[in-house]
Amino acid sequence: MRWMLALLLLSSVASADDDIPTTHKGEFGISARFGLGVRGIATYNSDYCGVLDASAKNGNAPVCSARSPLFLDLEPSFGVAKNVELTLGFHLGIEGDFGPTPTSTGPHAFRIEPGARFFLSESGHSKLFVQPSLLLDFTNYEKPAGGTYGHDFGVRVNEGYWIDLHRAVGLYFFVSESVELARWISADLDAGIGIQGRYP
């Protein structure tokens, strides 16, 4: 309840400021967002994905579900139209992921996510948005016997609520879904908060 009241207060303050433009067209932006979520992984060859199962082949669970590591997304952008920003996200894992064995440490995520953000249902200086992106995953997951699983690819979609607090500052809350297919079938559901600075 408190977070809803805070959200309404921020929206009303921003809406009262007539100096805030209603579009990001022609503006460069840089965004930082933190997020956390849950993830499910289904492997192709009974590889270790973070969970053991004594009854399964090789002792590894065929499907692993767990909390996904805390992450930071850094994202430059440019407004190409009234309601459209082109984006280039850099997804950085703050926490390490699972390693090649239960006792080893794992890599920190690194993904590049080119995409676009579309603003919808504008009301004053607050609006809804949807942001589809390609997902190029360069996280270095290692195999137990040596070598790596290589790179991965997929798609990610962010949806959320955006508030322009100032002509150069935006605050937003988001949920995101992502799917990857090459190493294994992986699906993530995340949520978090972000802030964007813009110029001019």
C-alpha atoms as a PDB file:
ATOM      1  CA  MET A   1       0.000   0.000   0.000  1.00  0.00           C
ATOM      2  CA  ARG A   2       2.789   2.427   0.854  1.00  0.00           C
ATOM      3  CA  TRP A   3       4.547   1.915  -2.477  1.00  0.00           C
ATOM      4  CA  MET A   4       1.289   2.663  -4.311  1.00  0.00           C
ATOM      5  CA  LEU A   5       0.903   5.935  -2.407  1.00  0.00           C
ATOM      6  CA  ALA A   6       4.514   6.859  -3.181  1.00  0.00           C
ATOM      7  CA  LEU A   7       3.937   6.098  -6.864  1.00  0.00           C
ATOM      8  CA  LEU A   8       0.830   8.289  -6.972  1.00  0.00           C
ATOM      9  CA  LEU A   9       2.707  11.108  -5.228  1.00  0.00           C
ATOM     10  CA  LEU A  10       5.604  10.961  -7.700  1.00  0.00           C
ATOM     11  CA  SER A  11       3.182  10.926 -10.622  1.00  0.00           C
ATOM     12  CA  SER A  12       1.247  13.935  -9.339  1.00  0.00           C
ATOM     13  CA  VAL A  13       4.430  15.948  -8.699  1.00  0.00           C
ATOM     14  CA  ALA A  14       5.744  15.225 -12.199  1.00  0.00           C
ATOM     15  CA  SER A  15       2.397  16.027 -13.821  1.00  0.00           C
ATOM     16  CA  ALA A  16       2.371  19.438 -12.136  1.00  0.00           C
ATOM     17  CA  ASP A  17       5.670  20.439 -13.774  1.00  0.00           C
ATOM     18  CA  ASP A  18       4.856  21.982 -17.166  1.00  0.00           C
ATOM     19  CA  ASP A  19       8.563  22.323 -18.058  1.00  0.00           C
ATOM     20  CA  ILE A  20       8.903  18.559 -18.534  1.00  0.00           C
ATOM     21  CA  PRO A  21       8.539  17.636 -22.229  1.00  0.00           C
ATOM     22  CA  THR A  22       6.091  14.856 -23.058  1.00  0.00           C
ATOM     23  CA  THR A  23       8.472  13.178 -25.522  1.00  0.00           C
ATOM     24  CA  HIS A  24      12.069  11.925 -25.523  1.00  0.00           C
ATOM     25  CA  LYS A  25      12.500  12.488 -29.266  1.00  0.00           C
ATOM     26  CA  GLY A  26      15.971  13.798 -30.130  1.00  0.00           C
ATOM     27  CA  GLU A  27      17.353  13.105 -26.638  1.00  0.00           C
ATOM     28  CA  PHE A  28      20.260  10.865 -25.699  1.00  0.00           C
ATOM     29  CA  GLY A  29      19.736   8.871 -22.532  1.00  0.00           C
ATOM     30  CA  ILE A  30      21.624   6.608 -20.159  1.00  0.00           C
ATOM     31  CA  SER A  31      19.734   4.287 -17.863  1.00  0.00           C
ATOM     32  CA  ALA A  32      20.690   2.097 -14.899  1.00  0.00           C
ATOM     33  CA  ARG A  33      18.328  -0.503 -13.474  1.00  0.00           C
ATOM     34  CA  PHE A  34      18.605  -3.154 -10.793  1.00  0.00           C
ATOM     35  CA  GLY A  35      16.569  -6.332 -10.858  1.00  0.00           C
ATOM     36  CA  LEU A  36      16.044  -9.749  -9.325  1.00  0.00           C
ATOM     37  CA  GLY A  37      13.813 -12.658 -10.217  1.00  0.00           C
ATOM     38  CA  VAL A  38      13.274 -16.371 -10.724  1.00  0.00           C
ATOM     39  CA  ARG A  39      14.549 -18.675 -13.443  1.00  0.00           C
ATOM     40  CA  GLY A  40      13.904 -22.117 -14.862  1.00  0.00           C
ATOM     41  CA  ILE A  41      16.423 -24.126 -16.931  1.00  0.00           C
ATOM     42  CA  ALA A  42      15.799 -27.341 -18.871  1.00  0.00           C
ATOM     43  CA  THR A  43      19.025 -28.924 -20.146  1.00  0.00           C
ATOM     44  CA  TYR A  44      19.420 -30.906 -23.349  1.00  0.00           C
ATOM     45  CA  ASN A  45      21.916 -33.510 -22.078  1.00  0.00           C
ATOM     46  CA  SER A  46      21.354 -33.764 -18.307  1.00  0.00           C
ATOM     47  CA  ASP A  47      24.045 -31.161 -17.676  1.00  0.00           C
ATOM     48  CA  TYR A  48      24.435 -29.569 -14.262  1.00  0.00           C
ATOM     49  CA  CYS A  49      22.292 -26.427 -14.007  1.00  0.00           C
ATOM     50  CA  GLY A  50      22.508 -25.653 -10.317  1.00  0.00           C
ATOM     51  CA  VAL A  51      20.375 -28.431  -8.794  1.00  0.00           C
ATOM     52  CA  LEU A  52      21.213 -32.085  -8.031  1.00  0.00           C
ATOM     53  CA  ASP A  53      18.772 -35.008  -8.234  1.00  0.00           C
ATOM     54  CA  ALA A  54      19.998 -38.443  -7.146  1.00  0.00           C
ATOM     55  CA  SER A  55      17.231 -40.184  -9.118  1.00  0.00           C
ATOM     56  CA  ALA A  56      18.079 -38.462 -12.399  1.00  0.00           C
ATOM     57  CA  LYS A  57      20.627 -39.282 -15.088  1.00  0.00           C
ATOM     58  CA  ASN A  58      24.155 -38.222 -14.067  1.00  0.00           C
ATOM     59  CA  GLY A  59      22.731 -37.053 -10.740  1.00  0.00           C
ATOM     60  CA  ASN A  60      21.700 -33.702 -12.217  1.00  0.00           C
ATOM     61  CA  ALA A  61      18.153 -32.392 -12.168  1.00  0.00           C
ATOM     62  CA  PRO A  62      16.705 -32.238 -15.714  1.00  0.00           C
ATOM     63  CA  VAL A  63      14.928 -28.999 -14.819  1.00  0.00           C
ATOM     64  CA  CYS A  64      16.378 -26.433 -12.407  1.00  0.00           C
ATOM     65  CA  SER A  65      14.370 -23.623 -10.847  1.00  0.00           C
ATOM     66  CA  ALA A  66      15.865 -21.033  -8.513  1.00  0.00           C
ATOM     67  CA  ARG A  67      16.306 -17.335  -7.863  1.00  0.00           C
ATOM     68  CA  SER A  68      18.210 -15.619 -10.646  1.00  0.00           C
ATOM     69  CA  PRO A  69      21.296 -13.593  -9.636  1.00  0.00           C
ATOM     70  CA  LEU A  70      20.962  -9.887  -8.833  1.00  0.00           C
ATOM     71  CA  PHE A  71      21.811  -7.810 -11.904  1.00  0.00           C
ATOM     72  CA  LEU A  72      22.535  -4.307 -13.122  1.00  0.00           C
ATOM     73  CA  ASP A  73      21.518  -3.151 -16.610  1.00  0.00           C
ATOM     74  CA  LEU A  74      23.297  -0.156 -18.158  1.00  0.00           C
ATOM     75  CA  GLU A  75      21.509   1.162 -21.226  1.00  0.00           C
ATOM     76  CA  PRO A  76      22.257   4.058 -23.587  1.00  0.00           C
ATOM     77  CA  SER A  77      19.306   5.177 -25.690  1.00  0.00           C
ATOM     78  CA  PHE A  78      18.180   7.726 -28.256  1.00  0.00           C
ATOM     79  CA  GLY A  79      14.666   9.011 -28.920  1.00  0.00           C
ATOM     80  CA  VAL A  80      13.956   8.515 -32.629  1.00  0.00           C
ATOM     81  CA  ALA A  81      10.239   9.344 -32.502  1.00  0.00           C
ATOM     82  CA  LYS A  82       7.681  10.820 -30.130  1.00  0.00           C
ATOM     83  CA  ASN A  83       7.019   7.489 -28.431  1.00  0.00           C
ATOM     84  CA  VAL A  84      10.057   5.402 -29.436  1.00  0.00           C
ATOM     85  CA  GLU A  85      13.605   5.094 -28.062  1.00  0.00           C
ATOM     86  CA  LEU A  86      16.283   2.868 -29.564  1.00  0.00           C
ATOM     87  CA  THR A  87      18.184   1.087 -26.775  1.00  0.00           C
ATOM     88  CA  LEU A  88      21.395  -0.887 -26.314  1.00  0.00           C
ATOM     89  CA  GLY A  89      21.406  -2.723 -23.001  1.00  0.00           C
ATOM     90  CA  PHE A  90      24.412  -4.195 -21.179  1.00  0.00           C
ATOM     91  CA  HIS A  91      23.254  -6.776 -18.640  1.00  0.00           C
ATOM     92  CA  LEU A  92      25.820  -7.293 -15.862  1.00  0.00           C
ATOM     93  CA  GLY A  93      25.546  -9.924 -13.142  1.00  0.00           C
ATOM     94  CA  ILE A  94      26.288  -8.529  -9.681  1.00  0.00           C
ATOM     95  CA  GLU A  95      26.066 -11.984  -8.110  1.00  0.00           C
ATOM     96  CA  GLY A  96      27.813 -15.023  -9.540  1.00  0.00           C
ATOM     97  CA  ASP A  97      25.787 -17.818 -11.150  1.00  0.00           C
ATOM     98  CA  PHE A  98      26.139 -21.589 -10.706  1.00  0.00           C
ATOM     99  CA  GLY A  99      29.481 -23.178 -11.585  1.00  0.00           C
ATOM    100  CA  PRO A 100      30.330 -26.379 -13.477  1.00  0.00           C
ATOM    101  CA  THR A 101      29.986 -28.401 -10.247  1.00  0.00           C
ATOM    102  CA  PRO A 102      28.086 -27.867  -6.972  1.00  0.00           C
ATOM    103  CA  THR A 103      31.288 -26.852  -5.165  1.00  0.00           C
ATOM    104  CA  SER A 104      32.688 -24.455  -7.771  1.00  0.00           C
ATOM    105  CA  THR A 105      31.980 -20.786  -8.318  1.00  0.00           C
ATOM    106  CA  GLY A 106      30.209 -19.641 -11.434  1.00  0.00           C
ATOM    107  CA  PRO A 107      30.459 -16.714 -13.863  1.00  0.00           C
ATOM    108  CA  HIS A 108      28.867 -13.295 -13.652  1.00  0.00           C
ATOM    109  CA  ALA A 109      26.322 -12.674 -16.401  1.00  0.00           C
ATOM    110  CA  PHE A 110      27.235 -10.518 -19.390  1.00  0.00           C
ATOM    111  CA  ARG A 111      24.674  -9.918 -22.110  1.00  0.00           C
ATOM    112  CA  ILE A 112      24.186  -7.336 -24.868  1.00  0.00           C
ATOM    113  CA  GLU A 113      20.565  -6.453 -25.630  1.00  0.00           C
ATOM    114  CA  PRO A 114      19.775  -4.203 -28.628  1.00  0.00           C
ATOM    115  CA  GLY A 115      16.142  -3.196 -28.816  1.00  0.00           C
ATOM    116  CA  ALA A 116      13.573  -0.411 -28.649  1.00  0.00           C
ATOM    117  CA  ARG A 117      11.284   1.081 -26.012  1.00  0.00           C
ATOM    118  CA  PHE A 118       7.718   2.015 -26.983  1.00  0.00           C
ATOM    119  CA  PHE A 119       5.735   4.345 -24.729  1.00  0.00           C
ATOM    120  CA  LEU A 120       1.998   3.709 -24.435  1.00  0.00           C
ATOM    121  CA  SER A 121      -1.040   5.138 -22.628  1.00  0.00           C
ATOM    122  CA  GLU A 122       0.549   8.486 -21.826  1.00  0.00           C
ATOM    123  CA  SER A 123      -0.996  10.462 -18.943  1.00  0.00           C
ATOM    124  CA  GLY A 124       0.821  13.727 -18.252  1.00  0.00           C
ATOM    125  CA  HIS A 125       4.448  12.783 -17.573  1.00  0.00           C
ATOM    126  CA  SER A 126       3.751   9.187 -16.576  1.00  0.00           C
ATOM    127  CA  LYS A 127       3.263   6.403 -19.091  1.00  0.00           C
ATOM    128  CA  LEU A 128       3.358   2.677 -19.682  1.00  0.00           C
ATOM    129  CA  PHE A 129       6.058   1.143 -21.851  1.00  0.00           C
ATOM    130  CA  VAL A 130       7.033  -2.092 -23.532  1.00  0.00           C
ATOM    131  CA  GLN A 131      10.610  -2.841 -24.598  1.00  0.00           C
ATOM    132  CA  PRO A 132      11.411  -5.876 -26.788  1.00  0.00           C
ATOM    133  CA  SER A 133      15.099  -6.713 -27.259  1.00  0.00           C
ATOM    134  CA  LEU A 134      17.338  -9.295 -28.830  1.00  0.00           C
ATOM    135  CA  LEU A 135      19.475 -11.079 -26.266  1.00  0.00           C
ATOM    136  CA  LEU A 136      23.117 -11.988 -26.983  1.00  0.00           C
ATOM    137  CA  ASP A 137      24.523 -13.865 -23.997  1.00  0.00           C
ATOM    138  CA  PHE A 138      28.317 -13.990 -23.575  1.00  0.00           C
ATOM    139  CA  THR A 139      28.289 -15.411 -20.027  1.00  0.00           C
ATOM    140  CA  ASN A 140      31.139 -17.916 -19.731  1.00  0.00           C
ATOM    141  CA  TYR A 141      29.517 -21.079 -18.326  1.00  0.00           C
ATOM    142  CA  GLU A 142      32.122 -23.840 -17.993  1.00  0.00           C
ATOM    143  CA  LYS A 143      31.625 -27.587 -18.466  1.00  0.00           C
ATOM    144  CA  PRO A 144      32.673 -29.980 -15.667  1.00  0.00           C
ATOM    145  CA  ALA A 145      35.183 -31.725 -17.953  1.00  0.00           C
ATOM    146  CA  GLY A 146      36.622 -28.469 -19.282  1.00  0.00           C
ATOM    147  CA  GLY A 147      35.666 -26.080 -22.027  1.00  0.00           C
ATOM    148  CA  THR A 148      32.594 -23.879 -22.120  1.00  0.00           C
ATOM    149  CA  TYR A 149      29.007 -24.071 -23.321  1.00  0.00           C
ATOM    150  CA  GLY A 150      29.612 -21.194 -25.717  1.00  0.00           C
ATOM    151  CA  HIS A 151      27.408 -18.195 -26.317  1.00  0.00           C
ATOM    152  CA  ASP A 152      23.625 -18.080 -26.273  1.00  0.00           C
ATOM    153  CA  PHE A 153      20.864 -16.021 -27.839  1.00  0.00           C
ATOM    154  CA  GLY A 154      17.219 -15.274 -27.203  1.00  0.00           C
ATOM    155  CA  VAL A 155      14.719 -12.504 -26.611  1.00  0.00           C
ATOM    156  CA  ARG A 156      13.822 -10.280 -23.664  1.00  0.00           C
ATOM    157  CA  VAL A 157      10.789  -8.060 -23.117  1.00  0.00           C
ATOM    158  CA  ASN A 158      10.533  -5.375 -20.430  1.00  0.00           C
ATOM    159  CA  GLU A 159       7.172  -3.864 -19.471  1.00  0.00           C
ATOM    160  CA  GLY A 160       6.682  -1.142 -16.910  1.00  0.00           C
ATOM    161  CA  TYR A 161       5.500   2.189 -15.593  1.00  0.00           C
ATOM    162  CA  TRP A 162       7.544   5.324 -16.344  1.00  0.00           C
ATOM    163  CA  ILE A 163       7.536   8.699 -14.563  1.00  0.00           C
ATOM    164  CA  ASP A 164       9.479  11.699 -15.897  1.00  0.00           C
ATOM    165  CA  LEU A 165      10.439  13.541 -12.691  1.00  0.00           C
ATOM    166  CA  HIS A 166      12.368  16.273 -14.506  1.00  0.00           C
ATOM    167  CA  ARG A 167      13.067  17.194 -18.124  1.00  0.00           C
ATOM    168  CA  ALA A 168      16.333  15.239 -17.808  1.00  0.00           C
ATOM    169  CA  VAL A 169      15.399  12.474 -15.325  1.00  0.00           C
ATOM    170  CA  GLY A 170      13.004   9.531 -15.527  1.00  0.00           C
ATOM    171  CA  LEU A 171      12.200   6.874 -12.932  1.00  0.00           C
ATOM    172  CA  TYR A 172      10.610   3.547 -13.843  1.00  0.00           C
ATOM    173  CA  PHE A 173       9.462   0.230 -12.447  1.00  0.00           C
ATOM    174  CA  PHE A 174       9.584  -2.872 -14.617  1.00  0.00           C
ATOM    175  CA  VAL A 175       9.020  -6.575 -15.010  1.00  0.00           C
ATOM    176  CA  SER A 176      10.827  -8.548 -17.697  1.00  0.00           C
ATOM    177  CA  GLU A 177      10.655 -11.951 -19.320  1.00  0.00           C
ATOM    178  CA  SER A 178      13.512 -13.562 -21.233  1.00  0.00           C
ATOM    179  CA  VAL A 179      14.070 -16.843 -23.048  1.00  0.00           C
ATOM    180  CA  GLU A 180      17.343 -18.404 -24.275  1.00  0.00           C
ATOM    181  CA  LEU A 181      17.687 -21.544 -26.380  1.00  0.00           C
ATOM    182  CA  ALA A 182      21.242 -22.506 -27.441  1.00  0.00           C
ATOM    183  CA  ARG A 183      23.012 -23.878 -24.318  1.00  0.00           C
ATOM    184  CA  TRP A 184      19.757 -25.032 -22.744  1.00  0.00           C
ATOM    185  CA  ILE A 185      16.190 -23.785 -22.566  1.00  0.00           C
ATOM    186  CA  SER A 186      16.188 -20.975 -20.022  1.00  0.00           C
ATOM    187  CA  ALA A 187      13.304 -18.716 -18.981  1.00  0.00           C
ATOM    188  CA  ASP A 188      13.607 -15.774 -16.557  1.00  0.00           C
ATOM    189  CA  LEU A 189      11.015 -13.581 -14.866  1.00  0.00           C
ATOM    190  CA  ASP A 190      12.522 -10.471 -13.251  1.00  0.00           C
ATOM    191  CA  ALA A 191      11.381  -7.227 -11.662  1.00  0.00           C
ATOM    192  CA  GLY A 192      13.116  -4.079 -10.476  1.00  0.00           C
ATOM    193  CA  ILE A 193      13.563  -0.333 -10.618  1.00  0.00           C
ATOM    194  CA  GLY A 194      15.555   1.963 -12.906  1.00  0.00           C
ATOM    195  CA  ILE A 195      16.479   5.581 -13.486  1.00  0.00           C
ATOM    196  CA  GLN A 196      17.361   7.391 -16.715  1.00  0.00           C
ATOM    197  CA  GLY A 197      19.240  10.629 -17.364  1.00  0.00           C
ATOM    198  CA  ARG A 198      18.731  12.442 -20.695  1.00  0.00           C
ATOM    199  CA  TYR A 199      20.359  15.235 -22.728  1.00  0.00           C
ATOM    200  CA  PRO A 200      19.621  17.778 -24.045  1.00  0.00           C
END
